[in-house]
Amino acid sequence: HVNEGMLMENIVAQELRTNGHRLYFYSRSDTDNRKNHMEIDF
């Protein structure tokens, strides 16, 4: 049982950096209103 998402995100991060992209992610947590919760990988 492997967290494949962790591995795939790592591989994608390497590819994006190789192409010169600066890597950022977006995360917003709102415990009062789940509708506002967001997470973007890159």
PDB file of all heavy atoms in Angstrom:
ATOM      1  N   HIS A   1       0.851  -1.181   0.000  1.00  0.00           N
ATOM      2  CA  HIS A   1       0.000   0.000   0.000  1.00  0.00           C
ATOM      3  C   HIS A   1       0.891   1.236   0.000  1.00  0.00           C
ATOM      4  O   HIS A   1       1.587   1.512   0.971  1.00  0.00           O
ATOM      5  CB  HIS A   1      -0.923  -0.010   1.213  1.00  0.00           C
ATOM      6  CG  HIS A   1      -1.806  -1.216   1.233  1.00  0.00           C
ATOM      7  ND1 HIS A   1      -2.846  -1.370   0.354  1.00  0.00           N
ATOM      8  CD2 HIS A   1      -1.784  -2.328   1.988  1.00  0.00           C
ATOM      9  CE1 HIS A   1      -3.441  -2.526   0.589  1.00  0.00           C
ATOM     10  NE2 HIS A   1      -2.807  -3.126   1.578  1.00  0.00           N
ATOM     11  N   VAL A   2       0.866   1.936  -1.107  1.00  0.00           N
ATOM     12  CA  VAL A   2       1.735   3.078  -1.314  1.00  0.00           C
ATOM     13  C   VAL A   2       0.868   4.296  -1.597  1.00  0.00           C
ATOM     14  O   VAL A   2      -0.148   4.195  -2.281  1.00  0.00           O
ATOM     15  CB  VAL A   2       2.671   2.840  -2.527  1.00  0.00           C
ATOM     16  CG1 VAL A   2       3.565   4.024  -2.767  1.00  0.00           C
ATOM     17  CG2 VAL A   2       3.482   1.586  -2.340  1.00  0.00           C
ATOM     18  N   ASN A   3       1.270   5.423  -1.087  1.00  0.00           N
ATOM     19  CA  ASN A   3       0.600   6.667  -1.427  1.00  0.00           C
ATOM     20  C   ASN A   3       1.088   7.067  -2.819  1.00  0.00           C
ATOM     21  O   ASN A   3       2.062   7.794  -2.971  1.00  0.00           O
ATOM     22  CB  ASN A   3       0.923   7.743  -0.396  1.00  0.00           C
ATOM     23  CG  ASN A   3       0.246   9.053  -0.690  1.00  0.00           C
ATOM     24  OD1 ASN A   3      -0.315   9.262  -1.766  1.00  0.00           O
ATOM     25  ND2 ASN A   3       0.301   9.956   0.270  1.00  0.00           N
ATOM     26  N   GLU A   4       0.399   6.558  -3.840  1.00  0.00           N
ATOM     27  CA  GLU A   4       0.827   6.810  -5.217  1.00  0.00           C
ATOM     28  C   GLU A   4       0.748   8.292  -5.557  1.00  0.00           C
ATOM     29  O   GLU A   4       1.528   8.784  -6.369  1.00  0.00           O
ATOM     30  CB  GLU A   4      -0.009   5.988  -6.186  1.00  0.00           C
ATOM     31  CG  GLU A   4       0.271   4.514  -6.099  1.00  0.00           C
ATOM     32  CD  GLU A   4      -0.592   3.703  -7.053  1.00  0.00           C
ATOM     33  OE1 GLU A   4      -1.313   4.298  -7.880  1.00  0.00           O
ATOM     34  OE2 GLU A   4      -0.529   2.471  -6.970  1.00  0.00           O
ATOM     35  N   GLY A   5      -0.189   9.000  -4.952  1.00  0.00           N
ATOM     36  CA  GLY A   5      -0.294  10.433  -5.206  1.00  0.00           C
ATOM     37  C   GLY A   5       0.980  11.164  -4.838  1.00  0.00           C
ATOM     38  O   GLY A   5       1.442  12.039  -5.563  1.00  0.00           O
ATOM     39  N   MET A   6       1.573  10.793  -3.704  1.00  0.00           N
ATOM     40  CA  MET A   6       2.817  11.403  -3.258  1.00  0.00           C
ATOM     41  C   MET A   6       3.916  11.183  -4.309  1.00  0.00           C
ATOM     42  O   MET A   6       4.666  12.094  -4.644  1.00  0.00           O
ATOM     43  CB  MET A   6       3.246  10.802  -1.925  1.00  0.00           C
ATOM     44  CG  MET A   6       4.642  11.150  -1.481  1.00  0.00           C
ATOM     45  SD  MET A   6       5.207  10.263  -0.013  1.00  0.00           S
ATOM     46  CE  MET A   6       5.272   8.569  -0.584  1.00  0.00           C
ATOM     47  N   LEU A   7       3.985   9.974  -4.834  1.00  0.00           N
ATOM     48  CA  LEU A   7       5.019   9.665  -5.827  1.00  0.00           C
ATOM     49  C   LEU A   7       4.780  10.409  -7.134  1.00  0.00           C
ATOM     50  O   LEU A   7       5.705  10.964  -7.725  1.00  0.00           O
ATOM     51  CB  LEU A   7       5.074   8.159  -6.078  1.00  0.00           C
ATOM     52  CG  LEU A   7       5.434   7.296  -4.875  1.00  0.00           C
ATOM     53  CD1 LEU A   7       5.357   5.826  -5.234  1.00  0.00           C
ATOM     54  CD2 LEU A   7       6.814   7.660  -4.356  1.00  0.00           C
ATOM     55  N   MET A   8       3.527  10.419  -7.591  1.00  0.00           N
ATOM     56  CA  MET A   8       3.212  11.099  -8.852  1.00  0.00           C
ATOM     57  C   MET A   8       3.456  12.601  -8.729  1.00  0.00           C
ATOM     58  O   MET A   8       3.995  13.220  -9.646  1.00  0.00           O
ATOM     59  CB  MET A   8       1.762  10.840  -9.256  1.00  0.00           C
ATOM     60  CG  MET A   8       1.452   9.414  -9.620  1.00  0.00           C
ATOM     61  SD  MET A   8       2.455   8.818 -10.998  1.00  0.00           S
ATOM     62  CE  MET A   8       3.370   7.533 -10.184  1.00  0.00           C
ATOM     63  N   GLU A   9       3.057  13.194  -7.618  1.00  0.00           N
ATOM     64  CA  GLU A   9       3.293  14.629  -7.424  1.00  0.00           C
ATOM     65  C   GLU A   9       4.780  14.934  -7.405  1.00  0.00           C
ATOM     66  O   GLU A   9       5.219  15.955  -7.938  1.00  0.00           O
ATOM     67  CB  GLU A   9       2.630  15.110  -6.141  1.00  0.00           C
ATOM     68  CG  GLU A   9       1.123  15.175  -6.244  1.00  0.00           C
ATOM     69  CD  GLU A   9       0.443  15.516  -4.932  1.00  0.00           C
ATOM     70  OE1 GLU A   9       1.141  15.935  -3.977  1.00  0.00           O
ATOM     71  OE2 GLU A   9      -0.788  15.364  -4.858  1.00  0.00           O
ATOM     72  N   ASN A  10       5.582  14.047  -6.825  1.00  0.00           N
ATOM     73  CA  ASN A  10       7.023  14.233  -6.805  1.00  0.00           C
ATOM     74  C   ASN A  10       7.598  14.201  -8.221  1.00  0.00           C
ATOM     75  O   ASN A  10       8.442  15.037  -8.575  1.00  0.00           O
ATOM     76  CB  ASN A  10       7.661  13.151  -5.927  1.00  0.00           C
ATOM     77  CG  ASN A  10       9.141  13.339  -5.772  1.00  0.00           C
ATOM     78  OD1 ASN A  10       9.912  12.816  -6.565  1.00  0.00           O
ATOM     79  ND2 ASN A  10       9.536  14.094  -4.759  1.00  0.00           N
ATOM     80  N   ILE A  11       7.139  13.264  -9.022  1.00  0.00           N
ATOM     81  CA  ILE A  11       7.621  13.155 -10.403  1.00  0.00           C
ATOM     82  C   ILE A  11       7.220  14.389 -11.208  1.00  0.00           C
ATOM     83  O   ILE A  11       8.022  14.965 -11.945  1.00  0.00           O
ATOM     84  CB  ILE A  11       7.092  11.864 -11.054  1.00  0.00           C
ATOM     85  CG1 ILE A  11       7.741  10.653 -10.385  1.00  0.00           C
ATOM     86  CG2 ILE A  11       7.323  11.860 -12.554  1.00  0.00           C
ATOM     87  CD1 ILE A  11       7.085   9.327 -10.721  1.00  0.00           C
ATOM     88  N   VAL A  12       5.968  14.821 -11.059  1.00  0.00           N
ATOM     89  CA  VAL A  12       5.497  16.008 -11.777  1.00  0.00           C
ATOM     90  C   VAL A  12       6.286  17.236 -11.330  1.00  0.00           C
ATOM     91  O   VAL A  12       6.680  18.065 -12.162  1.00  0.00           O
ATOM     92  CB  VAL A  12       3.980  16.208 -11.576  1.00  0.00           C
ATOM     93  CG1 VAL A  12       3.529  17.571 -12.076  1.00  0.00           C
ATOM     94  CG2 VAL A  12       3.206  15.093 -12.282  1.00  0.00           C
ATOM     95  N   ALA A  13       6.559  17.358 -10.040  1.00  0.00           N
ATOM     96  CA  ALA A  13       7.349  18.488  -9.543  1.00  0.00           C
ATOM     97  C   ALA A  13       8.722  18.520 -10.206  1.00  0.00           C
ATOM     98  O   ALA A  13       9.202  19.588 -10.617  1.00  0.00           O
ATOM     99  CB  ALA A  13       7.498  18.406  -8.022  1.00  0.00           C
ATOM    100  N   GLN A  14       9.350  17.368 -10.347  1.00  0.00           N
ATOM    101  CA  GLN A  14      10.655  17.309 -11.000  1.00  0.00           C
ATOM    102  C   GLN A  14      10.563  17.744 -12.462  1.00  0.00           C
ATOM    103  O   GLN A  14      11.424  18.484 -12.949  1.00  0.00           O
ATOM    104  CB  GLN A  14      11.218  15.897 -10.915  1.00  0.00           C
ATOM    105  CG  GLN A  14      11.623  15.504  -9.510  1.00  0.00           C
ATOM    106  CD  GLN A  14      12.160  14.090  -9.466  1.00  0.00           C
ATOM    107  OE1 GLN A  14      13.073  13.744 -10.204  1.00  0.00           O
ATOM    108  NE2 GLN A  14      11.577  13.273  -8.610  1.00  0.00           N
ATOM    109  N   GLU A  15       9.531  17.294 -13.148  1.00  0.00           N
ATOM    110  CA  GLU A  15       9.354  17.669 -14.561  1.00  0.00           C
ATOM    111  C   GLU A  15       9.110  19.170 -14.702  1.00  0.00           C
ATOM    112  O   GLU A  15       9.679  19.812 -15.584  1.00  0.00           O
ATOM    113  CB  GLU A  15       8.190  16.887 -15.181  1.00  0.00           C
ATOM    114  CG  GLU A  15       8.466  15.428 -15.397  1.00  0.00           C
ATOM    115  CD  GLU A  15       9.539  15.174 -16.442  1.00  0.00           C
ATOM    116  OE1 GLU A  15       9.708  15.982 -17.375  1.00  0.00           O
ATOM    117  OE2 GLU A  15      10.231  14.154 -16.317  1.00  0.00           O
ATOM    118  N   LEU A  16       8.254  19.725 -13.861  1.00  0.00           N
ATOM    119  CA  LEU A  16       7.960  21.154 -13.944  1.00  0.00           C
ATOM    120  C   LEU A  16       9.198  21.991 -13.642  1.00  0.00           C
ATOM    121  O   LEU A  16       9.470  22.977 -14.330  1.00  0.00           O
ATOM    122  CB  LEU A  16       6.811  21.516 -12.995  1.00  0.00           C
ATOM    123  CG  LEU A  16       5.440  20.920 -13.346  1.00  0.00           C
ATOM    124  CD1 LEU A  16       4.420  21.245 -12.258  1.00  0.00           C
ATOM    125  CD2 LEU A  16       4.956  21.386 -14.709  1.00  0.00           C
ATOM    126  N   ARG A  17       9.963  21.600 -12.626  1.00  0.00           N
ATOM    127  CA  ARG A  17      11.196  22.335 -12.308  1.00  0.00           C
ATOM    128  C   ARG A  17      12.212  22.227 -13.443  1.00  0.00           C
ATOM    129  O   ARG A  17      12.891  23.195 -13.758  1.00  0.00           O
ATOM    130  CB  ARG A  17      11.822  21.815 -11.004  1.00  0.00           C
ATOM    131  CG  ARG A  17      11.175  22.333  -9.765  1.00  0.00           C
ATOM    132  CD  ARG A  17      11.289  23.853  -9.598  1.00  0.00           C
ATOM    133  NE  ARG A  17      12.679  24.282  -9.506  1.00  0.00           N
ATOM    134  CZ  ARG A  17      13.156  25.399 -10.050  1.00  0.00           C
ATOM    135  NH1 ARG A  17      12.380  26.209 -10.715  1.00  0.00           N
ATOM    136  NH2 ARG A  17      14.424  25.708  -9.926  1.00  0.00           N
ATOM    137  N   THR A  18      12.302  21.049 -14.042  1.00  0.00           N
ATOM    138  CA  THR A  18      13.222  20.861 -15.167  1.00  0.00           C
ATOM    139  C   THR A  18      12.885  21.816 -16.308  1.00  0.00           C
ATOM    140  O   THR A  18      13.769  22.300 -17.006  1.00  0.00           O
ATOM    141  CB  THR A  18      13.170  19.399 -15.665  1.00  0.00           C
ATOM    142  OG1 THR A  18      13.597  18.554 -14.598  1.00  0.00           O
ATOM    143  CG2 THR A  18      14.053  19.183 -16.878  1.00  0.00           C
ATOM    144  N   ASN A  19      11.594  22.119 -16.468  1.00  0.00           N
ATOM    145  CA  ASN A  19      11.160  23.044 -17.513  1.00  0.00           C
ATOM    146  C   ASN A  19      11.223  24.500 -17.077  1.00  0.00           C
ATOM    147  O   ASN A  19      10.728  25.376 -17.775  1.00  0.00           O
ATOM    148  CB  ASN A  19       9.741  22.698 -17.977  1.00  0.00           C
ATOM    149  CG  ASN A  19       9.740  21.469 -18.859  1.00  0.00           C
ATOM    150  OD1 ASN A  19      10.746  21.122 -19.463  1.00  0.00           O
ATOM    151  ND2 ASN A  19       8.616  20.798 -18.919  1.00  0.00           N
ATOM    152  N   GLY A  20      11.800  24.758 -15.912  1.00  0.00           N
ATOM    153  CA  GLY A  20      12.027  26.129 -15.480  1.00  0.00           C
ATOM    154  C   GLY A  20      10.893  26.752 -14.688  1.00  0.00           C
ATOM    155  O   GLY A  20      10.960  27.949 -14.375  1.00  0.00           O
ATOM    156  N   HIS A  21       9.869  25.998 -14.353  1.00  0.00           N
ATOM    157  CA  HIS A  21       8.768  26.559 -13.575  1.00  0.00           C
ATOM    158  C   HIS A  21       9.163  26.688 -12.114  1.00  0.00           C
ATOM    159  O   HIS A  21       9.817  25.811 -11.557  1.00  0.00           O
ATOM    160  CB  HIS A  21       7.523  25.666 -13.659  1.00  0.00           C
ATOM    161  CG  HIS A  21       6.908  25.616 -15.007  1.00  0.00           C
ATOM    162  ND1 HIS A  21       6.233  26.685 -15.560  1.00  0.00           N
ATOM    163  CD2 HIS A  21       6.848  24.622 -15.926  1.00  0.00           C
ATOM    164  CE1 HIS A  21       5.799  26.358 -16.753  1.00  0.00           C
ATOM    165  NE2 HIS A  21       6.156  25.112 -16.999  1.00  0.00           N
ATOM    166  N   ARG A  22       8.761  27.777 -11.501  1.00  0.00           N
ATOM    167  CA  ARG A  22       8.831  27.891 -10.044  1.00  0.00           C
ATOM    168  C   ARG A  22       7.573  27.228  -9.524  1.00  0.00           C
ATOM    169  O   ARG A  22       6.490  27.435 -10.072  1.00  0.00           O
ATOM    170  CB  ARG A  22       8.905  29.342  -9.630  1.00  0.00           C
ATOM    171  CG  ARG A  22      10.209  29.986 -10.122  1.00  0.00           C
ATOM    172  CD  ARG A  22      10.337  31.382  -9.661  1.00  0.00           C
ATOM    173  NE  ARG A  22      10.563  31.352  -8.210  1.00  0.00           N
ATOM    174  CZ  ARG A  22      10.679  32.444  -7.476  1.00  0.00           C
ATOM    175  NH1 ARG A  22      10.592  33.625  -8.019  1.00  0.00           N
ATOM    176  NH2 ARG A  22      10.883  32.351  -6.180  1.00  0.00           N
ATOM    177  N   LEU A  23       7.701  26.462  -8.487  1.00  0.00           N
ATOM    178  CA  LEU A  23       6.571  25.676  -8.008  1.00  0.00           C
ATOM    179  C   LEU A  23       5.885  26.339  -6.815  1.00  0.00           C
ATOM    180  O   LEU A  23       6.526  26.694  -5.834  1.00  0.00           O
ATOM    181  CB  LEU A  23       7.032  24.274  -7.612  1.00  0.00           C
ATOM    182  CG  LEU A  23       7.684  23.466  -8.723  1.00  0.00           C
ATOM    183  CD1 LEU A  23       8.082  22.096  -8.200  1.00  0.00           C
ATOM    184  CD2 LEU A  23       6.767  23.341  -9.925  1.00  0.00           C
ATOM    185  N   TYR A  24       4.592  26.473  -6.955  1.00  0.00           N
ATOM    186  CA  TYR A  24       3.752  26.977  -5.888  1.00  0.00           C
ATOM    187  C   TYR A  24       2.558  26.044  -5.764  1.00  0.00           C
ATOM    188  O   TYR A  24       2.212  25.335  -6.702  1.00  0.00           O
ATOM    189  CB  TYR A  24       3.247  28.391  -6.208  1.00  0.00           C
ATOM    190  CG  TYR A  24       4.354  29.391  -6.412  1.00  0.00           C
ATOM    191  CD1 TYR A  24       4.812  29.692  -7.695  1.00  0.00           C
ATOM    192  CD2 TYR A  24       4.945  30.024  -5.329  1.00  0.00           C
ATOM    193  CE1 TYR A  24       5.828  30.615  -7.886  1.00  0.00           C
ATOM    194  CE2 TYR A  24       5.968  30.943  -5.510  1.00  0.00           C
ATOM    195  CZ  TYR A  24       6.405  31.233  -6.798  1.00  0.00           C
ATOM    196  OH  TYR A  24       7.416  32.130  -6.978  1.00  0.00           O
ATOM    197  N   PHE A  25       1.922  26.069  -4.628  1.00  0.00           N
ATOM    198  CA  PHE A  25       0.681  25.340  -4.463  1.00  0.00           C
ATOM    199  C   PHE A  25      -0.294  26.256  -3.743  1.00  0.00           C
ATOM    200  O   PHE A  25       0.076  27.313  -3.228  1.00  0.00           O
ATOM    201  CB  PHE A  25       0.886  24.032  -3.682  1.00  0.00           C
ATOM    202  CG  PHE A  25       1.179  24.224  -2.223  1.00  0.00           C
ATOM    203  CD1 PHE A  25       0.173  24.155  -1.280  1.00  0.00           C
ATOM    204  CD2 PHE A  25       2.469  24.492  -1.794  1.00  0.00           C
ATOM    205  CE1 PHE A  25       0.437  24.348   0.057  1.00  0.00           C
ATOM    206  CE2 PHE A  25       2.746  24.676  -0.450  1.00  0.00           C
ATOM    207  CZ  PHE A  25       1.725  24.609   0.486  1.00  0.00           C
ATOM    208  N   TYR A  26      -1.550  25.866  -3.731  1.00  0.00           N
ATOM    209  CA  TYR A  26      -2.569  26.659  -3.066  1.00  0.00           C
ATOM    210  C   TYR A  26      -3.338  25.760  -2.122  1.00  0.00           C
ATOM    211  O   TYR A  26      -3.766  24.665  -2.497  1.00  0.00           O
ATOM    212  CB  TYR A  26      -3.521  27.285  -4.083  1.00  0.00           C
ATOM    213  CG  TYR A  26      -4.569  28.158  -3.447  1.00  0.00           C
ATOM    214  CD1 TYR A  26      -4.291  29.475  -3.101  1.00  0.00           C
ATOM    215  CD2 TYR A  26      -5.840  27.665  -3.187  1.00  0.00           C
ATOM    216  CE1 TYR A  26      -5.246  30.279  -2.509  1.00  0.00           C
ATOM    217  CE2 TYR A  26      -6.806  28.468  -2.599  1.00  0.00           C
ATOM    218  CZ  TYR A  26      -6.504  29.768  -2.263  1.00  0.00           C
ATOM    219  OH  TYR A  26      -7.457  30.560  -1.675  1.00  0.00           O
ATOM    220  N   SER A  27      -3.511  26.227  -0.904  1.00  0.00           N
ATOM    221  CA  SER A  27      -4.276  25.474   0.085  1.00  0.00           C
ATOM    222  C   SER A  27      -5.080  26.447   0.926  1.00  0.00           C
ATOM    223  O   SER A  27      -4.548  27.448   1.403  1.00  0.00           O
ATOM    224  CB  SER A  27      -3.325  24.665   0.972  1.00  0.00           C
ATOM    225  OG  SER A  27      -4.059  23.956   1.939  1.00  0.00           O
ATOM    226  N   ARG A  28      -6.347  26.145   1.064  1.00  0.00           N
ATOM    227  CA  ARG A  28      -7.215  26.943   1.923  1.00  0.00           C
ATOM    228  C   ARG A  28      -8.095  25.994   2.713  1.00  0.00           C
ATOM    229  O   ARG A  28      -8.769  25.140   2.144  1.00  0.00           O
ATOM    230  CB  ARG A  28      -8.076  27.886   1.104  1.00  0.00           C
ATOM    231  CG  ARG A  28      -9.020  28.674   1.968  1.00  0.00           C
ATOM    232  CD  ARG A  28      -9.899  29.577   1.205  1.00  0.00           C
ATOM    233  NE  ARG A  28     -10.815  30.190   2.150  1.00  0.00           N
ATOM    234  CZ  ARG A  28     -11.517  31.248   1.900  1.00  0.00           C
ATOM    235  NH1 ARG A  28     -11.428  31.823   0.731  1.00  0.00           N
ATOM    236  NH2 ARG A  28     -12.330  31.734   2.801  1.00  0.00           N
ATOM    237  N   SER A  29      -8.064  26.157   4.006  1.00  0.00           N
ATOM    238  CA  SER A  29      -8.874  25.318   4.874  1.00  0.00           C
ATOM    239  C   SER A  29      -9.840  26.195   5.645  1.00  0.00           C
ATOM    240  O   SER A  29      -9.450  27.230   6.194  1.00  0.00           O
ATOM    241  CB  SER A  29      -7.969  24.550   5.836  1.00  0.00           C
ATOM    242  OG  SER A  29      -8.734  23.705   6.640  1.00  0.00           O
ATOM    243  N   ASP A  30     -11.078  25.792   5.665  1.00  0.00           N
ATOM    244  CA  ASP A  30     -12.102  26.531   6.391  1.00  0.00           C
ATOM    245  C   ASP A  30     -12.938  25.520   7.161  1.00  0.00           C
ATOM    246  O   ASP A  30     -13.787  24.846   6.589  1.00  0.00           O
ATOM    247  CB  ASP A  30     -12.966  27.330   5.415  1.00  0.00           C
ATOM    248  CG  ASP A  30     -13.958  28.241   6.106  1.00  0.00           C
ATOM    249  OD1 ASP A  30     -14.249  28.024   7.302  1.00  0.00           O
ATOM    250  OD2 ASP A  30     -14.459  29.164   5.443  1.00  0.00           O
ATOM    251  N   THR A  31     -12.671  25.391   8.445  1.00  0.00           N
ATOM    252  CA  THR A  31     -13.380  24.392   9.253  1.00  0.00           C
ATOM    253  C   THR A  31     -14.853  24.733   9.437  1.00  0.00           C
ATOM    254  O   THR A  31     -15.671  23.843   9.667  1.00  0.00           O
ATOM    255  CB  THR A  31     -12.721  24.226  10.639  1.00  0.00           C
ATOM    256  OG1 THR A  31     -12.641  25.500  11.254  1.00  0.00           O
ATOM    257  CG2 THR A  31     -11.334  23.632  10.506  1.00  0.00           C
ATOM    258  N   ASP A  32     -15.204  26.005   9.331  1.00  0.00           N
ATOM    259  CA  ASP A  32     -16.603  26.404   9.490  1.00  0.00           C
ATOM    260  C   ASP A  32     -17.431  26.174   8.234  1.00  0.00           C
ATOM    261  O   ASP A  32     -18.636  25.958   8.318  1.00  0.00           O
ATOM    262  CB  ASP A  32     -16.687  27.887   9.885  1.00  0.00           C
ATOM    263  CG  ASP A  32     -16.055  28.149  11.239  1.00  0.00           C
ATOM    264  OD1 ASP A  32     -16.086  27.234  12.090  1.00  0.00           O
ATOM    265  OD2 ASP A  32     -15.520  29.256  11.439  1.00  0.00           O
ATOM    266  N   ASN A  33     -16.779  26.249   7.079  1.00  0.00           N
ATOM    267  CA  ASN A  33     -17.513  26.105   5.832  1.00  0.00           C
ATOM    268  C   ASN A  33     -16.699  25.257   4.861  1.00  0.00           C
ATOM    269  O   ASN A  33     -15.783  25.750   4.204  1.00  0.00           O
ATOM    270  CB  ASN A  33     -17.816  27.486   5.230  1.00  0.00           C
ATOM    271  CG  ASN A  33     -18.756  27.398   4.058  1.00  0.00           C
ATOM    272  OD1 ASN A  33     -19.093  26.321   3.570  1.00  0.00           O
ATOM    273  ND2 ASN A  33     -19.200  28.557   3.596  1.00  0.00           N
ATOM    274  N   ARG A  34     -17.022  23.989   4.763  1.00  0.00           N
ATOM    275  CA  ARG A  34     -16.283  23.038   3.921  1.00  0.00           C
ATOM    276  C   ARG A  34     -16.253  23.469   2.446  1.00  0.00           C
ATOM    277  O   ARG A  34     -15.347  23.115   1.714  1.00  0.00           O
ATOM    278  CB  ARG A  34     -16.915  21.652   4.077  1.00  0.00           C
ATOM    279  CG  ARG A  34     -16.257  20.565   3.296  1.00  0.00           C
ATOM    280  CD  ARG A  34     -14.989  20.105   3.981  1.00  0.00           C
ATOM    281  NE  ARG A  34     -14.440  19.005   3.214  1.00  0.00           N
ATOM    282  CZ  ARG A  34     -13.159  18.837   3.018  1.00  0.00           C
ATOM    283  NH1 ARG A  34     -12.293  19.649   3.553  1.00  0.00           N
ATOM    284  NH2 ARG A  34     -12.716  17.834   2.310  1.00  0.00           N
ATOM    285  N   LYS A  35     -17.239  24.233   2.019  1.00  0.00           N
ATOM    286  CA  LYS A  35     -17.287  24.697   0.629  1.00  0.00           C
ATOM    287  C   LYS A  35     -16.065  25.536   0.272  1.00  0.00           C
ATOM    288  O   LYS A  35     -15.687  25.612  -0.888  1.00  0.00           O
ATOM    289  CB  LYS A  35     -18.543  25.534   0.364  1.00  0.00           C
ATOM    290  CG  LYS A  35     -19.829  24.771   0.370  1.00  0.00           C
ATOM    291  CD  LYS A  35     -20.993  25.609  -0.101  1.00  0.00           C
ATOM    292  CE  LYS A  35     -21.009  26.973   0.509  1.00  0.00           C
ATOM    293  NZ  LYS A  35     -22.213  27.753   0.217  1.00  0.00           N
ATOM    294  N   ASN A  36     -15.479  26.171   1.265  1.00  0.00           N
ATOM    295  CA  ASN A  36     -14.328  27.043   1.011  1.00  0.00           C
ATOM    296  C   ASN A  36     -12.993  26.310   1.013  1.00  0.00           C
ATOM    297  O   ASN A  36     -11.968  26.907   0.745  1.00  0.00           O
ATOM    298  CB  ASN A  36     -14.286  28.169   2.049  1.00  0.00           C
ATOM    299  CG  ASN A  36     -15.445  29.114   1.890  1.00  0.00           C
ATOM    300  OD1 ASN A  36     -15.934  29.330   0.790  1.00  0.00           O
ATOM    301  ND2 ASN A  36     -15.909  29.671   2.987  1.00  0.00           N
ATOM    302  N   HIS A  37     -12.995  25.023   1.341  1.00  0.00           N
ATOM    303  CA  HIS A  37     -11.756  24.250   1.379  1.00  0.00           C
ATOM    304  C   HIS A  37     -11.270  23.986  -0.048  1.00  0.00           C
ATOM    305  O   HIS A  37     -12.038  23.545  -0.909  1.00  0.00           O
ATOM    306  CB  HIS A  37     -11.984  22.920   2.109  1.00  0.00           C
ATOM    307  CG  HIS A  37     -10.765  22.071   2.156  1.00  0.00           C
ATOM    308  ND1 HIS A  37      -9.733  22.323   3.038  1.00  0.00           N
ATOM    309  CD2 HIS A  37     -10.398  21.001   1.417  1.00  0.00           C
ATOM    310  CE1 HIS A  37      -8.786  21.427   2.829  1.00  0.00           C
ATOM    311  NE2 HIS A  37      -9.161  20.616   1.867  1.00  0.00           N
ATOM    312  N   MET A  38      -9.997  24.284  -0.296  1.00  0.00           N
ATOM    313  CA  MET A  38      -9.401  24.060  -1.617  1.00  0.00           C
ATOM    314  C   MET A  38      -7.960  23.638  -1.456  1.00  0.00           C
ATOM    315  O   MET A  38      -7.278  24.095  -0.537  1.00  0.00           O
ATOM    316  CB  MET A  38      -9.399  25.342  -2.457  1.00  0.00           C
ATOM    317  CG  MET A  38     -10.703  25.798  -2.986  1.00  0.00           C
ATOM    318  SD  MET A  38     -10.452  27.253  -4.032  1.00  0.00           S
ATOM    319  CE  MET A  38     -10.814  28.551  -2.867  1.00  0.00           C
ATOM    320  N   GLU A  39      -7.499  22.802  -2.368  1.00  0.00           N
ATOM    321  CA  GLU A  39      -6.088  22.431  -2.417  1.00  0.00           C
ATOM    322  C   GLU A  39      -5.720  22.170  -3.874  1.00  0.00           C
ATOM    323  O   GLU A  39      -6.315  21.319  -4.528  1.00  0.00           O
ATOM    324  CB  GLU A  39      -5.849  21.178  -1.587  1.00  0.00           C
ATOM    325  CG  GLU A  39      -4.398  20.828  -1.479  1.00  0.00           C
ATOM    326  CD  GLU A  39      -4.178  19.649  -0.557  1.00  0.00           C
ATOM    327  OE1 GLU A  39      -4.577  19.739   0.614  1.00  0.00           O
ATOM    328  OE2 GLU A  39      -3.619  18.641  -1.039  1.00  0.00           O
ATOM    329  N   ILE A  40      -4.761  22.924  -4.373  1.00  0.00           N
ATOM    330  CA  ILE A  40      -4.276  22.774  -5.745  1.00  0.00           C
ATOM    331  C   ILE A  40      -2.826  22.330  -5.667  1.00  0.00           C
ATOM    332  O   ILE A  40      -2.009  22.941  -4.981  1.00  0.00           O
ATOM    333  CB  ILE A  40      -4.388  24.104  -6.534  1.00  0.00           C
ATOM    334  CG1 ILE A  40      -5.828  24.631  -6.537  1.00  0.00           C
ATOM    335  CG2 ILE A  40      -3.872  23.933  -7.959  1.00  0.00           C
ATOM    336  CD1 ILE A  40      -6.830  23.733  -7.228  1.00  0.00           C
ATOM    337  N   ASP A  41      -2.494  21.261  -6.396  1.00  0.00           N
ATOM    338  CA  ASP A  41      -1.164  20.668  -6.301  1.00  0.00           C
ATOM    339  C   ASP A  41      -0.054  21.607  -6.760  1.00  0.00           C
ATOM    340  O   ASP A  41       0.968  21.745  -6.089  1.00  0.00           O
ATOM    341  CB  ASP A  41      -1.102  19.366  -7.104  1.00  0.00           C
ATOM    342  CG  ASP A  41      -2.014  18.303  -6.535  1.00  0.00           C
ATOM    343  OD1 ASP A  41      -2.178  18.247  -5.300  1.00  0.00           O
ATOM    344  OD2 ASP A  41      -2.577  17.522  -7.333  1.00  0.00           O
ATOM    345  N   PHE A  42      -0.238  22.238  -7.912  1.00  0.00           N
ATOM    346  CA  PHE A  42       0.793  23.129  -8.441  1.00  0.00           C
ATOM    347  C   PHE A  42       0.151  24.335  -9.102  1.00  0.00           C
ATOM    348  O   PHE A  42      -0.901  24.222  -9.729  1.00  0.00           O
ATOM    349  CB  PHE A  42       1.660  22.418  -9.496  1.00  0.00           C
ATOM    350  CG  PHE A  42       2.401  21.241  -8.972  1.00  0.00           C
ATOM    351  CD1 PHE A  42       1.950  19.958  -9.223  1.00  0.00           C
ATOM    352  CD2 PHE A  42       3.548  21.397  -8.211  1.00  0.00           C
ATOM    353  CE1 PHE A  42       2.620  18.859  -8.734  1.00  0.00           C
ATOM    354  CE2 PHE A  42       4.227  20.304  -7.713  1.00  0.00           C
ATOM    355  CZ  PHE A  42       3.767  19.031  -7.979  1.00  0.00           C
TER     356      PHE A  42
END
